[in-house]
Amino acid sequence: MDTMEARIRYLEAIQRIIDRLSTISSVIKGWSVTLTAALLVLASKDSNKGFFLVSYLPILFFWLIDSEYLRMERQYKALYNQNADLKIPLCDFRIKRPKPNSENHTYFAQCFFSRTELSVYLPQLLSILLVFILQ
């Protein structure tokens, strides 16, 4: 196998990792919306204010997990872009981790407060708050 073919297979492998991370992120968003809707139905049916408070926990939990998958997806995209220029040695799937207490927190915060994350989780939080106020 020549070098160019090996590089193409390597880039395809990285792309499959990115696709899996993206799929998992979509599944997490779907579960979050489903669980939020179910908890809102239970809370409005029984008029129990405790369900409203409890329903915030899964949303925050899903948001944190989804942000971590988004961070890893962005790092693998950066690895893909680095290897597309033909200067990096083949078969290195390690993503570069920022040093603790420096870029890592900023990078995670950028993922946590990205448009894709905010557009899914913020409306859920606001809808729970709205139903809680209207009850």
C-alpha atoms as a PDB file:
ATOM      1  CA  MET A   1       0.000   0.000   0.000  1.00  0.00           C
ATOM      2  CA  ASP A   2       1.452   3.325  -0.967  1.00  0.00           C
ATOM      3  CA  THR A   3       1.620   6.345   1.316  1.00  0.00           C
ATOM      4  CA  MET A   4      -1.231   8.240  -0.296  1.00  0.00           C
ATOM      5  CA  GLU A   5      -3.628   5.302  -0.013  1.00  0.00           C
ATOM      6  CA  ALA A   6      -2.607   4.800   3.619  1.00  0.00           C
ATOM      7  CA  ARG A   7      -3.236   8.481   4.319  1.00  0.00           C
ATOM      8  CA  ILE A   8      -6.686   8.291   2.734  1.00  0.00           C
ATOM      9  CA  ARG A   9      -7.585   5.274   4.889  1.00  0.00           C
ATOM     10  CA  TYR A  10      -6.270   7.084   7.946  1.00  0.00           C
ATOM     11  CA  LEU A  11      -8.365  10.168   7.172  1.00  0.00           C
ATOM     12  CA  GLU A  12     -11.404   7.948   6.593  1.00  0.00           C
ATOM     13  CA  ALA A  13     -10.863   6.362  10.017  1.00  0.00           C
ATOM     14  CA  ILE A  14     -10.730   9.794  11.651  1.00  0.00           C
ATOM     15  CA  GLN A  15     -13.881  10.767   9.766  1.00  0.00           C
ATOM     16  CA  ARG A  16     -15.683   7.656  11.108  1.00  0.00           C
ATOM     17  CA  ILE A  17     -14.731   8.705  14.657  1.00  0.00           C
ATOM     18  CA  ILE A  18     -16.114  12.194  14.002  1.00  0.00           C
ATOM     19  CA  ASP A  19     -19.327  10.693  12.605  1.00  0.00           C
ATOM     20  CA  ARG A  20     -19.785   8.479  15.680  1.00  0.00           C
ATOM     21  CA  LEU A  21     -19.249  11.405  18.031  1.00  0.00           C
ATOM     22  CA  SER A  22     -21.767  13.464  16.078  1.00  0.00           C
ATOM     23  CA  THR A  23     -24.323  10.629  16.158  1.00  0.00           C
ATOM     24  CA  ILE A  24     -23.921  10.188  19.902  1.00  0.00           C
ATOM     25  CA  SER A  25     -24.389  13.925  20.371  1.00  0.00           C
ATOM     26  CA  SER A  26     -27.647  13.801  18.401  1.00  0.00           C
ATOM     27  CA  VAL A  27     -28.891  10.862  20.459  1.00  0.00           C
ATOM     28  CA  ILE A  28     -28.087  12.719  23.681  1.00  0.00           C
ATOM     29  CA  LYS A  29     -30.058  15.751  22.481  1.00  0.00           C
ATOM     30  CA  GLY A  30     -33.017  13.524  21.594  1.00  0.00           C
ATOM     31  CA  TRP A  31     -33.021  11.820  24.973  1.00  0.00           C
ATOM     32  CA  SER A  32     -32.800  15.174  26.698  1.00  0.00           C
ATOM     33  CA  VAL A  33     -35.846  16.558  24.880  1.00  0.00           C
ATOM     34  CA  THR A  34     -37.811  13.345  25.458  1.00  0.00           C
ATOM     35  CA  LEU A  35     -37.017  13.211  29.152  1.00  0.00           C
ATOM     36  CA  THR A  36     -37.795  16.898  29.620  1.00  0.00           C
ATOM     37  CA  ALA A  37     -41.175  16.483  27.930  1.00  0.00           C
ATOM     38  CA  ALA A  38     -41.976  13.435  30.066  1.00  0.00           C
ATOM     39  CA  LEU A  39     -41.043  15.221  33.279  1.00  0.00           C
ATOM     40  CA  LEU A  40     -43.106  18.266  32.297  1.00  0.00           C
ATOM     41  CA  VAL A  41     -46.138  16.036  31.658  1.00  0.00           C
ATOM     42  CA  LEU A  42     -45.698  14.362  35.038  1.00  0.00           C
ATOM     43  CA  ALA A  43     -45.228  17.680  36.790  1.00  0.00           C
ATOM     44  CA  SER A  44     -48.278  19.311  35.219  1.00  0.00           C
ATOM     45  CA  LYS A  45     -50.438  16.228  35.767  1.00  0.00           C
ATOM     46  CA  ASP A  46     -49.751  15.972  39.474  1.00  0.00           C
ATOM     47  CA  SER A  47     -49.098  19.693  39.969  1.00  0.00           C
ATOM     48  CA  ASN A  48     -46.074  18.734  41.999  1.00  0.00           C
ATOM     49  CA  LYS A  49     -43.504  21.517  42.061  1.00  0.00           C
ATOM     50  CA  GLY A  50     -40.760  19.011  42.925  1.00  0.00           C
ATOM     51  CA  PHE A  51     -40.858  17.561  39.401  1.00  0.00           C
ATOM     52  CA  PHE A  52     -39.983  20.951  37.980  1.00  0.00           C
ATOM     53  CA  LEU A  53     -36.906  21.216  40.138  1.00  0.00           C
ATOM     54  CA  VAL A  54     -35.878  17.613  39.453  1.00  0.00           C
ATOM     55  CA  SER A  55     -36.294  18.104  35.703  1.00  0.00           C
ATOM     56  CA  TYR A  56     -33.414  20.604  35.680  1.00  0.00           C
ATOM     57  CA  LEU A  57     -30.925  17.931  36.739  1.00  0.00           C
ATOM     58  CA  PRO A  58     -31.171  15.671  33.661  1.00  0.00           C
ATOM     59  CA  ILE A  59     -30.999  18.663  31.340  1.00  0.00           C
ATOM     60  CA  LEU A  60     -27.802  19.890  32.966  1.00  0.00           C
ATOM     61  CA  PHE A  61     -26.400  16.355  32.996  1.00  0.00           C
ATOM     62  CA  PHE A  62     -27.142  15.828  29.285  1.00  0.00           C
ATOM     63  CA  TRP A  63     -25.790  19.295  28.495  1.00  0.00           C
ATOM     64  CA  LEU A  64     -22.463  18.514  30.191  1.00  0.00           C
ATOM     65  CA  ILE A  65     -22.104  15.155  28.443  1.00  0.00           C
ATOM     66  CA  ASP A  66     -23.067  16.610  25.072  1.00  0.00           C
ATOM     67  CA  SER A  67     -20.566  19.433  25.498  1.00  0.00           C
ATOM     68  CA  GLU A  68     -17.827  16.892  26.163  1.00  0.00           C
ATOM     69  CA  TYR A  69     -18.703  15.016  22.963  1.00  0.00           C
ATOM     70  CA  LEU A  70     -18.704  18.299  21.047  1.00  0.00           C
ATOM     71  CA  ARG A  71     -15.253  19.108  22.463  1.00  0.00           C
ATOM     72  CA  MET A  72     -13.899  15.715  21.371  1.00  0.00           C
ATOM     73  CA  GLU A  73     -15.518  16.077  17.942  1.00  0.00           C
ATOM     74  CA  ARG A  74     -13.849  19.453  17.440  1.00  0.00           C
ATOM     75  CA  GLN A  75     -10.494  18.022  18.496  1.00  0.00           C
ATOM     76  CA  TYR A  76     -10.797  15.157  16.001  1.00  0.00           C
ATOM     77  CA  LYS A  77     -11.765  17.633  13.291  1.00  0.00           C
ATOM     78  CA  ALA A  78      -8.593  19.543  14.095  1.00  0.00           C
ATOM     79  CA  LEU A  79      -6.627  16.270  13.881  1.00  0.00           C
ATOM     80  CA  TYR A  80      -8.239  15.560  10.509  1.00  0.00           C
ATOM     81  CA  ASN A  81      -7.318  19.023   9.237  1.00  0.00           C
ATOM     82  CA  GLN A  82      -3.738  18.665  10.467  1.00  0.00           C
ATOM     83  CA  ASN A  83      -3.330  15.334   8.694  1.00  0.00           C
ATOM     84  CA  ALA A  84      -4.927  16.474   5.476  1.00  0.00           C
ATOM     85  CA  ASP A  85      -1.812  18.539   4.691  1.00  0.00           C
ATOM     86  CA  LEU A  86       0.381  15.402   4.316  1.00  0.00           C
ATOM     87  CA  LYS A  87       3.040  16.554   6.801  1.00  0.00           C
ATOM     88  CA  ILE A  88       2.024  14.586   9.908  1.00  0.00           C
ATOM     89  CA  PRO A  89       3.054  10.917  10.338  1.00  0.00           C
ATOM     90  CA  LEU A  90       0.310   8.366   9.797  1.00  0.00           C
ATOM     91  CA  CYS A  91      -1.685   6.390  12.356  1.00  0.00           C
ATOM     92  CA  ASP A  92      -1.628   8.747  15.294  1.00  0.00           C
ATOM     93  CA  PHE A  93      -5.196   8.951  16.628  1.00  0.00           C
ATOM     94  CA  ARG A  94      -4.319  10.816  19.793  1.00  0.00           C
ATOM     95  CA  ILE A  95      -6.021  14.141  20.129  1.00  0.00           C
ATOM     96  CA  LYS A  96      -4.134  16.945  21.760  1.00  0.00           C
ATOM     97  CA  ARG A  97      -5.371  17.617  25.265  1.00  0.00           C
ATOM     98  CA  PRO A  98      -4.882  21.133  26.584  1.00  0.00           C
ATOM     99  CA  LYS A  99      -2.906  21.483  29.780  1.00  0.00           C
ATOM    100  CA  PRO A 100      -4.996  21.491  32.968  1.00  0.00           C
ATOM    101  CA  ASN A 101      -6.130  24.856  34.325  1.00  0.00           C
ATOM    102  CA  SER A 102      -5.402  26.667  31.085  1.00  0.00           C
ATOM    103  CA  GLU A 103      -7.015  26.130  27.711  1.00  0.00           C
ATOM    104  CA  ASN A 104      -9.013  23.083  28.795  1.00  0.00           C
ATOM    105  CA  HIS A 105     -11.555  25.048  30.812  1.00  0.00           C
ATOM    106  CA  THR A 106     -11.866  27.718  28.149  1.00  0.00           C
ATOM    107  CA  TYR A 107     -12.262  25.156  25.380  1.00  0.00           C
ATOM    108  CA  PHE A 108     -14.918  23.248  27.319  1.00  0.00           C
ATOM    109  CA  ALA A 109     -16.699  26.514  28.073  1.00  0.00           C
ATOM    110  CA  GLN A 110     -16.684  27.345  24.363  1.00  0.00           C
ATOM    111  CA  CYS A 111     -18.350  24.003  23.679  1.00  0.00           C
ATOM    112  CA  PHE A 112     -20.766  24.303  26.609  1.00  0.00           C
ATOM    113  CA  PHE A 113     -21.938  27.733  25.458  1.00  0.00           C
ATOM    114  CA  SER A 114     -21.816  27.034  21.719  1.00  0.00           C
ATOM    115  CA  ARG A 115     -24.811  27.894  19.549  1.00  0.00           C
ATOM    116  CA  THR A 116     -25.714  24.256  19.030  1.00  0.00           C
ATOM    117  CA  GLU A 117     -25.755  23.513  22.734  1.00  0.00           C
ATOM    118  CA  LEU A 118     -27.588  26.684  23.728  1.00  0.00           C
ATOM    119  CA  SER A 119     -30.213  26.234  21.020  1.00  0.00           C
ATOM    120  CA  VAL A 120     -31.172  22.819  22.425  1.00  0.00           C
ATOM    121  CA  TYR A 121     -30.761  23.075  26.183  1.00  0.00           C
ATOM    122  CA  LEU A 122     -31.648  26.696  26.917  1.00  0.00           C
ATOM    123  CA  PRO A 123     -35.212  26.386  25.523  1.00  0.00           C
ATOM    124  CA  GLN A 124     -35.682  23.277  27.650  1.00  0.00           C
ATOM    125  CA  LEU A 125     -34.613  25.123  30.773  1.00  0.00           C
ATOM    126  CA  LEU A 126     -36.795  28.100  29.901  1.00  0.00           C
ATOM    127  CA  SER A 127     -39.837  25.931  29.158  1.00  0.00           C
ATOM    128  CA  ILE A 128     -39.542  24.263  32.545  1.00  0.00           C
ATOM    129  CA  LEU A 129     -39.262  27.653  34.194  1.00  0.00           C
ATOM    130  CA  LEU A 130     -42.301  28.906  32.274  1.00  0.00           C
ATOM    131  CA  VAL A 131     -44.437  25.919  33.235  1.00  0.00           C
ATOM    132  CA  PHE A 132     -43.239  26.237  36.834  1.00  0.00           C
ATOM    133  CA  ILE A 133     -44.300  29.909  36.919  1.00  0.00           C
ATOM    134  CA  LEU A 134     -47.678  29.206  35.280  1.00  0.00           C
ATOM    135  CA  GLN A 135     -48.535  26.370  37.688  1.00  0.00           C
END
